[in-house]
N, C-alpha and C. Protein backbone atom coordinates (compact mmCIF):
# COMPACT_ATOMS: atom_id res chain seq x y z
N MET A 1 15.16 -6.11 -11.12
CA MET A 1 14.22 -5.81 -12.14
C MET A 1 13.51 -7.13 -12.47
N PRO A 2 12.16 -7.11 -12.28
CA PRO A 2 11.62 -8.43 -12.66
C PRO A 2 11.74 -8.87 -14.07
N GLY A 3 11.93 -10.13 -14.25
CA GLY A 3 12.14 -10.75 -15.58
C GLY A 3 13.74 -10.98 -15.82
N ASP A 4 14.65 -10.54 -15.05
CA ASP A 4 16.08 -10.89 -15.17
C ASP A 4 16.12 -12.33 -14.51
N THR A 5 16.53 -13.30 -15.35
CA THR A 5 16.86 -14.69 -14.92
C THR A 5 18.22 -15.10 -15.21
N LEU A 6 18.99 -15.53 -14.31
CA LEU A 6 20.23 -16.11 -14.44
C LEU A 6 20.01 -17.69 -14.73
N PRO A 7 20.30 -18.20 -16.07
CA PRO A 7 20.10 -19.61 -16.25
C PRO A 7 21.09 -20.55 -15.71
N VAL A 8 20.71 -21.71 -15.15
CA VAL A 8 21.76 -22.61 -14.64
C VAL A 8 21.13 -23.99 -14.97
N HIS A 9 22.04 -24.79 -15.77
CA HIS A 9 21.65 -26.13 -16.23
C HIS A 9 22.52 -27.19 -15.41
N VAL A 10 21.78 -28.12 -14.88
CA VAL A 10 22.54 -29.14 -14.15
C VAL A 10 22.21 -30.49 -14.90
N ASN A 11 23.20 -31.51 -14.86
CA ASN A 11 22.95 -32.72 -15.47
C ASN A 11 22.75 -32.77 -16.87
N ARG A 12 23.18 -31.84 -17.61
CA ARG A 12 23.01 -31.75 -19.12
C ARG A 12 23.80 -32.66 -19.88
N ASP A 13 25.24 -32.43 -19.68
CA ASP A 13 26.15 -33.08 -20.44
C ASP A 13 26.74 -34.32 -19.68
N SER A 14 26.71 -34.31 -18.33
CA SER A 14 27.20 -35.45 -17.48
C SER A 14 26.56 -35.33 -16.25
N LEU A 15 26.72 -36.41 -15.32
CA LEU A 15 26.11 -36.42 -13.99
C LEU A 15 26.75 -35.25 -13.03
N HIS A 16 25.86 -34.54 -12.62
CA HIS A 16 26.28 -33.29 -11.60
C HIS A 16 26.87 -32.16 -12.35
N ALA A 17 26.99 -32.17 -13.80
CA ALA A 17 27.52 -31.07 -14.48
C ALA A 17 26.67 -29.80 -14.14
N VAL A 18 27.38 -28.61 -14.04
CA VAL A 18 26.72 -27.42 -13.89
C VAL A 18 27.26 -26.44 -14.97
N GLU A 19 26.21 -25.94 -15.68
CA GLU A 19 26.55 -24.96 -16.85
C GLU A 19 25.88 -23.62 -16.48
N VAL A 20 26.71 -22.65 -16.57
CA VAL A 20 26.33 -21.22 -16.11
C VAL A 20 26.99 -20.28 -16.95
N PRO A 21 26.53 -19.05 -17.19
CA PRO A 21 27.27 -17.92 -18.02
C PRO A 21 28.37 -17.65 -17.05
N ASP A 22 29.49 -17.01 -17.72
CA ASP A 22 30.60 -16.42 -16.83
C ASP A 22 30.21 -15.16 -16.06
N ALA A 23 29.22 -14.35 -16.61
CA ALA A 23 28.91 -13.19 -15.97
C ALA A 23 27.42 -12.82 -16.16
N PHE A 24 26.84 -12.20 -15.28
CA PHE A 24 25.49 -11.77 -15.25
C PHE A 24 25.37 -10.37 -14.69
N GLU A 25 24.59 -9.59 -15.31
CA GLU A 25 24.26 -8.20 -14.93
C GLU A 25 22.86 -7.80 -14.71
N THR A 26 22.52 -7.20 -13.78
CA THR A 26 21.09 -6.79 -13.46
C THR A 26 21.09 -5.42 -12.65
N ASP A 27 19.92 -4.89 -12.67
CA ASP A 27 19.86 -3.63 -12.04
C ASP A 27 18.78 -3.80 -10.89
N GLY A 28 18.61 -4.92 -10.31
CA GLY A 28 17.58 -5.10 -9.16
C GLY A 28 17.49 -6.63 -8.91
N SER A 29 16.47 -6.84 -8.12
CA SER A 29 16.18 -8.31 -7.84
C SER A 29 16.11 -9.13 -9.06
N PHE A 30 16.58 -10.50 -8.97
CA PHE A 30 16.50 -11.38 -10.12
C PHE A 30 16.31 -12.73 -9.69
N ASP A 31 15.98 -13.62 -10.63
CA ASP A 31 15.67 -15.09 -10.43
C ASP A 31 16.86 -15.90 -10.87
N ILE A 32 17.10 -16.92 -10.29
CA ILE A 32 17.98 -18.03 -10.79
C ILE A 32 17.12 -19.14 -11.27
N GLY A 33 17.21 -19.46 -12.47
CA GLY A 33 16.39 -20.52 -13.12
C GLY A 33 17.16 -21.81 -13.29
N VAL A 34 16.99 -22.78 -12.43
CA VAL A 34 17.64 -23.94 -12.33
C VAL A 34 16.89 -25.06 -13.18
N VAL A 35 17.58 -25.52 -14.28
CA VAL A 35 16.95 -26.49 -15.11
C VAL A 35 17.68 -27.80 -14.80
N ASN A 36 17.06 -28.97 -14.43
CA ASN A 36 17.71 -30.21 -14.29
C ASN A 36 17.30 -31.12 -15.42
N HIS A 37 18.42 -31.51 -16.13
CA HIS A 37 18.21 -32.45 -17.24
C HIS A 37 18.37 -33.84 -17.02
N GLY A 38 18.71 -34.15 -15.69
CA GLY A 38 18.85 -35.73 -15.29
C GLY A 38 18.19 -35.92 -14.16
N GLY A 39 18.78 -36.87 -13.20
CA GLY A 39 18.23 -37.36 -12.01
C GLY A 39 18.18 -36.19 -10.96
N SER A 40 17.54 -36.41 -9.84
CA SER A 40 17.21 -35.49 -8.83
C SER A 40 18.69 -35.08 -8.14
N VAL A 41 18.72 -33.91 -7.79
CA VAL A 41 20.06 -33.25 -7.37
C VAL A 41 19.73 -32.13 -6.44
N HIS A 42 20.80 -31.90 -5.39
CA HIS A 42 20.80 -30.85 -4.56
C HIS A 42 21.65 -29.66 -5.12
N VAL A 43 21.17 -28.54 -5.13
CA VAL A 43 21.85 -27.43 -5.75
C VAL A 43 22.21 -26.32 -4.52
N HIS A 44 23.39 -25.96 -4.36
CA HIS A 44 23.78 -24.97 -3.32
C HIS A 44 24.08 -23.71 -3.99
N LEU A 45 23.55 -22.63 -3.34
CA LEU A 45 23.78 -21.31 -3.90
C LEU A 45 24.37 -20.41 -2.81
N HIS A 46 25.49 -19.68 -3.18
CA HIS A 46 26.11 -18.93 -2.15
C HIS A 46 26.59 -17.54 -2.75
N LEU A 47 26.18 -16.28 -2.20
CA LEU A 47 26.56 -15.05 -2.54
C LEU A 47 27.82 -14.68 -1.75
N ASP A 48 28.88 -14.28 -2.35
CA ASP A 48 30.03 -13.74 -1.64
C ASP A 48 29.74 -12.52 -0.71
N ASP A 49 30.71 -12.03 -0.01
CA ASP A 49 30.58 -11.04 1.00
C ASP A 49 30.12 -9.53 0.07
N ASP A 50 30.70 -9.46 -0.94
CA ASP A 50 30.34 -8.12 -1.67
C ASP A 50 28.94 -8.17 -2.13
N LEU A 51 28.40 -9.26 -2.69
CA LEU A 51 27.11 -9.38 -3.19
C LEU A 51 26.08 -9.33 -1.91
N SER A 52 26.41 -10.02 -0.84
CA SER A 52 25.52 -10.22 0.32
C SER A 52 25.34 -8.96 1.05
N GLU A 53 26.01 -7.95 0.76
CA GLU A 53 25.89 -6.70 1.36
C GLU A 53 24.58 -6.08 0.95
N ILE A 54 24.18 -6.18 -0.28
CA ILE A 54 23.06 -5.66 -0.92
C ILE A 54 21.98 -6.55 -1.42
N ALA A 55 22.27 -7.88 -1.46
CA ALA A 55 21.34 -9.01 -1.95
C ALA A 55 21.29 -10.30 -0.96
N SER A 56 20.26 -10.95 -1.04
CA SER A 56 20.12 -12.10 -0.25
C SER A 56 19.38 -13.09 -1.13
N VAL A 57 19.75 -14.38 -0.98
CA VAL A 57 19.02 -15.50 -1.67
C VAL A 57 18.02 -16.11 -0.67
N GLU A 58 16.94 -16.58 -1.13
CA GLU A 58 15.85 -17.06 -0.25
C GLU A 58 16.25 -18.31 0.62
N ALA A 59 17.13 -19.01 0.06
CA ALA A 59 17.72 -20.15 0.72
C ALA A 59 18.84 -20.63 0.01
N SER A 60 19.76 -21.33 0.62
CA SER A 60 21.02 -21.71 0.02
C SER A 60 21.03 -23.19 -0.53
N ASN A 61 20.22 -24.08 0.06
CA ASN A 61 20.21 -25.50 -0.48
C ASN A 61 18.86 -25.75 -1.04
N HIS A 62 18.85 -26.19 -2.34
CA HIS A 62 17.56 -26.58 -2.99
C HIS A 62 17.60 -27.88 -3.65
N PHE A 63 16.53 -28.65 -3.39
CA PHE A 63 16.41 -30.00 -4.10
C PHE A 63 15.66 -29.79 -5.38
N VAL A 64 16.23 -30.18 -6.43
CA VAL A 64 15.63 -30.15 -7.75
C VAL A 64 15.35 -31.52 -8.23
N ASP A 65 14.03 -31.91 -8.41
CA ASP A 65 13.62 -33.20 -9.02
C ASP A 65 14.20 -33.35 -10.25
N GLY A 66 14.26 -34.69 -10.70
CA GLY A 66 14.67 -34.94 -12.11
C GLY A 66 13.93 -34.61 -13.10
N GLU A 67 14.53 -34.01 -14.06
CA GLU A 67 13.77 -33.46 -15.30
C GLU A 67 12.77 -32.41 -15.06
N SER A 68 13.19 -31.38 -14.13
CA SER A 68 12.32 -30.38 -13.72
C SER A 68 13.00 -29.05 -13.66
N GLN A 69 12.30 -28.04 -13.34
CA GLN A 69 12.97 -26.82 -13.12
C GLN A 69 12.52 -26.18 -11.88
N ARG A 70 13.42 -25.38 -11.35
CA ARG A 70 13.14 -24.66 -10.06
C ARG A 70 13.56 -23.09 -10.18
N THR A 71 12.84 -22.25 -9.57
CA THR A 71 13.19 -20.88 -9.64
C THR A 71 13.57 -20.37 -8.32
N VAL A 72 14.75 -19.75 -8.08
CA VAL A 72 15.17 -19.25 -6.75
C VAL A 72 15.31 -17.77 -6.93
N HIS A 73 14.54 -16.94 -6.07
CA HIS A 73 14.66 -15.50 -6.05
C HIS A 73 15.77 -14.94 -5.29
N VAL A 74 16.43 -14.00 -5.86
CA VAL A 74 17.50 -13.24 -5.18
C VAL A 74 16.99 -11.72 -5.05
N SER A 75 16.85 -11.30 -3.79
CA SER A 75 16.37 -10.15 -3.40
C SER A 75 17.40 -9.05 -3.43
N VAL A 76 17.37 -7.94 -3.96
CA VAL A 76 18.26 -6.83 -3.93
C VAL A 76 17.62 -5.72 -3.22
N GLY A 77 18.06 -5.43 -1.91
CA GLY A 77 17.35 -4.59 -1.10
C GLY A 77 18.20 -3.25 -0.79
N GLY A 78 19.55 -3.47 -1.01
CA GLY A 78 20.39 -2.34 -0.52
C GLY A 78 20.49 -1.24 -1.74
N ALA A 79 21.18 -0.15 -1.38
CA ALA A 79 21.29 0.79 -2.47
C ALA A 79 22.71 0.66 -2.86
N GLY A 80 22.96 1.12 -4.12
CA GLY A 80 24.30 1.22 -4.69
C GLY A 80 24.62 -0.07 -5.56
N GLU A 81 25.83 0.00 -6.10
CA GLU A 81 26.19 -1.08 -7.05
C GLU A 81 27.11 -2.08 -6.25
N ALA A 82 27.19 -3.24 -6.87
CA ALA A 82 27.97 -4.32 -6.34
C ALA A 82 28.42 -5.35 -7.38
N THR A 83 29.56 -5.77 -7.17
CA THR A 83 30.06 -6.83 -8.17
C THR A 83 30.61 -7.99 -7.23
N GLY A 84 30.28 -9.09 -7.44
CA GLY A 84 30.62 -10.17 -6.65
C GLY A 84 30.51 -11.56 -7.39
N THR A 85 30.69 -12.62 -6.60
CA THR A 85 30.74 -13.89 -7.06
C THR A 85 29.42 -14.71 -6.56
N LEU A 86 28.65 -15.37 -7.42
CA LEU A 86 27.77 -16.35 -6.92
C LEU A 86 28.33 -17.79 -7.13
N LYS A 87 28.35 -18.55 -6.03
CA LYS A 87 28.90 -19.89 -6.11
C LYS A 87 27.64 -20.85 -6.31
N ILE A 88 27.72 -21.82 -7.27
CA ILE A 88 26.68 -22.71 -7.65
C ILE A 88 27.38 -24.09 -7.60
N ALA A 89 26.92 -24.98 -6.61
CA ALA A 89 27.43 -26.35 -6.63
C ALA A 89 26.26 -27.26 -6.61
N SER A 90 26.64 -28.44 -7.28
CA SER A 90 25.67 -29.47 -7.35
C SER A 90 26.08 -30.74 -6.63
N ALA A 91 25.18 -31.41 -6.15
CA ALA A 91 25.36 -32.74 -5.55
C ALA A 91 26.41 -32.58 -4.19
N TYR A 92 26.20 -31.64 -3.38
CA TYR A 92 27.00 -31.39 -2.34
C TYR A 92 28.56 -31.19 -2.61
N GLY A 93 28.77 -30.39 -3.69
CA GLY A 93 30.06 -30.01 -4.11
C GLY A 93 30.69 -30.84 -5.13
N ALA A 94 30.09 -31.85 -5.76
CA ALA A 94 30.63 -32.61 -6.69
C ALA A 94 30.96 -31.80 -8.03
N GLU A 95 30.28 -30.83 -8.35
CA GLU A 95 30.62 -29.82 -9.32
C GLU A 95 30.33 -28.43 -8.84
N THR A 96 31.28 -27.47 -9.11
CA THR A 96 31.17 -26.14 -8.58
C THR A 96 31.39 -25.23 -9.71
N ARG A 97 30.56 -24.23 -9.81
CA ARG A 97 30.85 -23.16 -10.83
C ARG A 97 30.68 -21.77 -10.12
N TYR A 98 31.25 -20.77 -10.68
CA TYR A 98 31.21 -19.47 -10.22
C TYR A 98 30.73 -18.51 -11.21
N VAL A 99 29.81 -17.52 -10.94
CA VAL A 99 29.37 -16.57 -11.90
C VAL A 99 29.63 -15.19 -11.33
N THR A 100 30.26 -14.34 -12.10
CA THR A 100 30.44 -12.95 -11.62
C THR A 100 29.17 -12.17 -11.81
N VAL A 101 28.54 -11.68 -10.74
CA VAL A 101 27.26 -10.90 -10.90
C VAL A 101 27.61 -9.51 -10.54
N ARG A 102 27.02 -8.59 -11.47
CA ARG A 102 27.17 -7.17 -11.33
C ARG A 102 25.69 -6.65 -11.18
N ILE A 103 25.65 -5.97 -9.97
CA ILE A 103 24.32 -5.33 -9.76
C ILE A 103 24.56 -3.80 -9.98
N THR A 104 23.87 -3.07 -10.73
CA THR A 104 24.03 -1.79 -11.15
C THR A 104 22.82 -1.00 -10.55
N GLU A 105 23.11 0.36 -10.53
CA GLU A 105 21.95 1.27 -10.20
C GLU A 105 20.99 1.25 -11.23
N PRO A 106 19.67 1.15 -10.85
CA PRO A 106 18.62 1.23 -11.86
C PRO A 106 18.75 2.59 -12.59
N ASP A 107 18.36 2.54 -13.97
CA ASP A 107 18.34 3.72 -14.67
C ASP A 107 17.14 4.56 -14.25
N GLU A 108 17.36 5.87 -13.99
CA GLU A 108 16.30 6.75 -13.54
C GLU A 108 15.43 7.01 -14.88
N GLU A 109 14.14 6.61 -14.69
CA GLU A 109 13.27 7.04 -15.74
C GLU A 109 12.77 8.36 -15.69
N GLU A 110 12.97 9.12 -16.69
CA GLU A 110 12.39 10.52 -16.68
C GLU A 110 10.80 10.58 -16.78
N SER A 111 10.28 11.07 -15.74
CA SER A 111 8.86 11.00 -15.82
C SER A 111 8.31 12.45 -16.02
N THR A 112 7.61 12.71 -17.08
CA THR A 112 7.03 14.04 -17.38
C THR A 112 5.55 14.02 -17.49
N VAL A 113 5.12 15.24 -17.26
CA VAL A 113 3.66 15.33 -17.27
C VAL A 113 3.32 16.46 -18.25
N GLU A 114 2.56 16.22 -19.42
CA GLU A 114 2.21 17.26 -20.42
C GLU A 114 1.03 18.13 -19.67
N VAL A 115 1.30 19.48 -19.78
CA VAL A 115 0.28 20.31 -19.35
C VAL A 115 -0.35 21.04 -20.52
N ASP A 116 -1.63 20.95 -20.51
CA ASP A 116 -2.33 21.54 -21.65
C ASP A 116 -2.59 23.10 -21.22
N GLU A 117 -2.69 24.03 -22.23
CA GLU A 117 -2.79 25.40 -21.89
C GLU A 117 -4.25 25.65 -21.20
N SER A 118 -5.09 24.79 -21.39
CA SER A 118 -6.60 25.01 -20.87
C SER A 118 -6.43 24.90 -19.35
N LEU A 119 -5.42 24.36 -18.75
CA LEU A 119 -5.31 24.27 -17.25
C LEU A 119 -5.03 25.74 -16.62
N SER A 120 -4.48 26.61 -17.49
CA SER A 120 -4.16 27.94 -16.91
C SER A 120 -5.33 28.76 -16.99
N GLU A 121 -6.49 28.34 -17.62
CA GLU A 121 -7.65 29.18 -17.64
C GLU A 121 -8.56 28.86 -16.40
N PRO A 122 -9.30 30.04 -15.86
CA PRO A 122 -10.21 29.61 -14.80
C PRO A 122 -11.32 28.73 -15.11
N GLN A 123 -11.52 27.80 -14.25
CA GLN A 123 -12.65 26.81 -14.49
C GLN A 123 -13.95 27.26 -14.02
N PRO A 124 -15.16 27.11 -14.79
CA PRO A 124 -16.32 27.59 -14.29
C PRO A 124 -16.72 26.77 -13.01
N ARG A 125 -17.42 27.58 -12.10
CA ARG A 125 -17.90 26.87 -10.93
C ARG A 125 -19.35 27.15 -10.89
N GLU A 126 -19.99 26.06 -10.27
CA GLU A 126 -21.43 26.01 -10.18
C GLU A 126 -21.87 26.66 -8.74
N PRO A 127 -23.03 27.41 -8.83
CA PRO A 127 -23.21 28.00 -7.63
C PRO A 127 -23.57 27.07 -6.46
N ASP A 128 -23.18 27.39 -5.22
CA ASP A 128 -23.41 26.56 -4.08
C ASP A 128 -24.76 26.94 -3.43
N ASP A 129 -25.74 26.07 -3.46
CA ASP A 129 -27.01 26.40 -2.95
C ASP A 129 -27.32 26.04 -1.48
N GLY A 130 -26.35 25.56 -0.91
CA GLY A 130 -26.54 25.23 0.52
C GLY A 130 -26.87 23.69 0.80
N GLY A 131 -26.95 22.91 -0.21
CA GLY A 131 -27.25 21.58 -0.14
C GLY A 131 -28.64 21.04 -0.64
N ASP A 132 -29.73 21.61 0.11
CA ASP A 132 -31.04 21.12 -0.33
C ASP A 132 -31.95 22.15 -1.03
N GLY A 133 -31.25 23.04 -1.75
CA GLY A 133 -31.95 24.00 -2.67
C GLY A 133 -32.88 24.86 -1.87
N ALA A 134 -34.08 24.92 -1.98
CA ALA A 134 -34.96 25.77 -1.42
C ALA A 134 -34.93 25.76 0.17
N ALA A 135 -34.83 24.57 0.68
CA ALA A 135 -34.92 24.28 2.26
C ALA A 135 -33.58 24.89 2.71
N GLY A 136 -32.47 24.87 2.10
CA GLY A 136 -31.17 25.37 2.54
C GLY A 136 -31.21 26.74 2.44
N ALA A 137 -31.79 27.27 1.28
CA ALA A 137 -31.74 28.84 1.24
C ALA A 137 -32.66 29.43 2.34
N ALA A 138 -33.71 28.80 2.65
CA ALA A 138 -34.60 29.48 3.69
C ALA A 138 -33.94 29.32 5.14
N LEU A 139 -33.20 28.26 5.29
CA LEU A 139 -32.54 28.15 6.60
C LEU A 139 -31.39 29.21 6.69
N ALA A 140 -30.68 29.38 5.66
CA ALA A 140 -29.59 30.28 5.57
C ALA A 140 -30.17 31.77 5.84
N ALA A 141 -31.26 31.98 5.20
CA ALA A 141 -31.88 33.28 5.40
C ALA A 141 -32.41 33.68 6.75
N SER A 142 -32.91 32.57 7.49
CA SER A 142 -33.59 32.79 8.69
C SER A 142 -32.91 31.69 9.73
N PRO A 143 -31.97 32.06 10.37
CA PRO A 143 -31.45 31.08 11.32
C PRO A 143 -32.37 30.93 12.59
N GLN A 144 -33.11 31.84 12.75
CA GLN A 144 -34.20 31.77 13.95
C GLN A 144 -35.19 30.56 13.69
N LEU A 145 -35.29 30.08 12.39
CA LEU A 145 -36.13 28.89 12.27
C LEU A 145 -35.32 27.73 12.71
N VAL A 146 -34.02 27.69 12.69
CA VAL A 146 -33.27 26.55 13.03
C VAL A 146 -33.27 26.48 14.56
N VAL A 147 -33.23 27.61 15.25
CA VAL A 147 -33.32 27.62 16.69
C VAL A 147 -34.59 27.07 17.11
N LEU A 148 -35.65 27.66 16.47
CA LEU A 148 -36.99 27.33 16.73
C LEU A 148 -37.19 25.70 16.67
N ALA A 149 -36.73 25.15 15.59
CA ALA A 149 -36.88 23.71 15.22
C ALA A 149 -36.24 23.00 16.34
N LEU A 150 -34.99 23.27 16.54
CA LEU A 150 -34.17 22.58 17.60
C LEU A 150 -34.89 22.68 19.07
N GLY A 151 -35.31 23.83 19.19
CA GLY A 151 -35.96 24.11 20.50
C GLY A 151 -37.25 23.12 20.80
N VAL A 152 -38.02 22.95 19.61
CA VAL A 152 -39.25 21.98 19.61
C VAL A 152 -38.86 20.62 19.83
N VAL A 153 -37.77 20.28 19.21
CA VAL A 153 -37.19 18.90 19.38
C VAL A 153 -36.77 18.62 20.77
N ALA A 154 -36.11 19.56 21.31
CA ALA A 154 -35.50 19.44 22.74
C ALA A 154 -36.74 19.37 23.70
N LEU A 155 -37.64 20.15 23.56
CA LEU A 155 -38.80 20.21 24.29
C LEU A 155 -39.48 18.88 24.38
N GLY A 156 -39.79 18.30 23.13
CA GLY A 156 -40.47 17.07 22.97
C GLY A 156 -39.65 15.90 23.77
N VAL A 157 -38.24 15.98 23.50
CA VAL A 157 -37.55 14.90 24.30
C VAL A 157 -37.70 15.03 25.65
N ALA A 158 -37.61 16.36 26.18
CA ALA A 158 -37.66 16.56 27.65
C ALA A 158 -38.99 16.27 28.23
N ALA A 159 -40.15 16.47 27.57
CA ALA A 159 -41.45 16.05 27.93
C ALA A 159 -41.59 14.61 27.95
N ALA A 160 -41.16 13.99 26.89
CA ALA A 160 -41.23 12.47 26.94
C ALA A 160 -40.62 11.74 28.06
N VAL A 161 -39.36 12.17 28.30
CA VAL A 161 -38.57 11.77 29.46
C VAL A 161 -39.17 12.03 30.78
N ALA A 162 -39.75 13.15 30.97
CA ALA A 162 -40.44 13.55 32.20
C ALA A 162 -41.60 12.73 32.50
N LEU A 163 -42.31 12.38 31.47
CA LEU A 163 -43.59 11.57 31.55
C LEU A 163 -43.19 10.06 31.89
N LEU A 164 -42.14 9.62 31.20
CA LEU A 164 -41.80 8.12 31.42
C LEU A 164 -41.21 7.93 32.84
N VAL A 165 -40.28 8.89 33.24
CA VAL A 165 -39.57 8.59 34.44
C VAL A 165 -40.39 8.98 35.64
N ASP A 166 -41.18 10.10 35.58
CA ASP A 166 -42.12 10.53 36.63
C ASP A 166 -41.25 10.89 37.96
N GLU A 167 -40.09 11.62 37.79
CA GLU A 167 -39.27 12.02 38.91
C GLU A 167 -39.24 13.37 38.97
N ILE A 168 -39.08 14.02 40.12
CA ILE A 168 -39.31 15.50 40.36
C ILE A 168 -38.03 16.19 39.68
N VAL A 169 -36.81 15.38 39.73
CA VAL A 169 -35.46 15.96 39.18
C VAL A 169 -35.68 15.99 37.61
N VAL A 170 -36.29 15.01 37.05
CA VAL A 170 -36.46 15.06 35.59
C VAL A 170 -37.49 16.10 35.17
N VAL A 171 -38.47 16.14 36.02
CA VAL A 171 -39.47 17.35 35.58
C VAL A 171 -38.76 18.63 35.74
N ALA A 172 -37.97 18.90 36.75
CA ALA A 172 -37.22 20.16 36.84
C ALA A 172 -36.33 20.36 35.77
N GLY A 173 -35.59 19.36 35.25
CA GLY A 173 -34.75 19.53 34.07
C GLY A 173 -35.59 19.82 32.78
N ALA A 174 -36.74 19.18 32.64
CA ALA A 174 -37.59 19.54 31.52
C ALA A 174 -38.04 21.00 31.50
N LEU A 175 -38.35 21.45 32.78
CA LEU A 175 -38.88 22.86 32.87
C LEU A 175 -37.58 23.82 32.56
N ALA A 176 -36.35 23.28 32.96
CA ALA A 176 -35.15 24.13 32.53
C ALA A 176 -35.00 24.17 30.95
N VAL A 177 -35.22 23.08 30.40
CA VAL A 177 -35.16 23.15 28.90
C VAL A 177 -36.12 24.07 28.28
N LEU A 178 -37.35 23.98 28.83
CA LEU A 178 -38.39 24.85 28.25
C LEU A 178 -38.00 26.25 28.55
N VAL A 179 -37.53 26.66 29.73
CA VAL A 179 -37.10 28.03 29.84
C VAL A 179 -35.96 28.54 28.93
N GLY A 180 -35.01 27.51 28.70
CA GLY A 180 -33.85 27.72 27.66
C GLY A 180 -34.39 27.96 26.26
N VAL A 181 -35.39 27.13 25.97
CA VAL A 181 -36.02 27.26 24.50
C VAL A 181 -36.68 28.63 24.45
N LEU A 182 -37.47 28.93 25.33
CA LEU A 182 -38.23 30.14 25.30
C LEU A 182 -37.29 31.45 25.19
N ALA A 183 -36.15 31.25 26.07
CA ALA A 183 -35.23 32.34 25.96
C ALA A 183 -34.58 32.54 24.75
N ALA A 184 -34.23 31.35 23.97
CA ALA A 184 -33.63 31.38 22.78
C ALA A 184 -34.60 31.89 21.61
N VAL A 185 -35.68 31.55 21.77
CA VAL A 185 -36.77 32.10 20.81
C VAL A 185 -36.85 33.57 20.91
N TYR A 186 -36.99 34.01 22.07
CA TYR A 186 -37.07 35.50 22.30
C TYR A 186 -35.76 36.30 21.79
N ILE A 187 -34.73 35.71 22.01
CA ILE A 187 -33.52 36.34 21.61
C ILE A 187 -33.37 36.38 20.04
N ALA A 188 -33.79 35.34 19.37
CA ALA A 188 -33.78 35.16 18.18
C ALA A 188 -34.87 36.08 17.41
N LEU A 189 -35.94 36.23 17.91
CA LEU A 189 -36.95 37.10 17.41
C LEU A 189 -36.62 38.65 17.83
N ALA A 190 -35.97 38.82 18.73
CA ALA A 190 -35.58 40.20 19.11
C ALA A 190 -34.45 40.71 18.22
N GLY A 191 -33.70 39.70 17.74
CA GLY A 191 -32.57 40.00 16.93
C GLY A 191 -32.99 40.60 15.51
N GLU A 192 -34.22 40.27 15.11
CA GLU A 192 -34.69 40.75 13.71
C GLU A 192 -34.91 42.23 13.58
């Protein structure tokens, strides 16, 4: 749970002194907030076997400058609950303290959605005009116009290629396109 911070004070009452609460409880990832009240010090953090099954600390040794603070993140990635011990040592073991850490299952938040009675009533629909209004309606009523327009475009492309390339095979292809377009127009007009 973001926002849960285990406070750790070092060098407050005496050199290398470590002050921590006896126990700490959280329902997810948390931070260890190290506050150094004196000279620079190394702080060692270690999760016991029970905690390390579902949690991990980003690094075990941390240098904390004098009169400064440092935050160390503990990620909880496993499922389930765990209770174990976090070992906190200053100055390479000069002072050592242990905190009982209990990681619980997060409370399941009940998510509800309120449904208004107006959702049960049919919603009005706007008529579908085919996209472009009058042009769409004309094309839908007469598909022969679509065939004729595509045929004219295909004829134009074939004629342009035949003139540019000036090869007998291309001219024969253009004639084949012309025959296909004429056949399509005939079939479209005969279907009316």
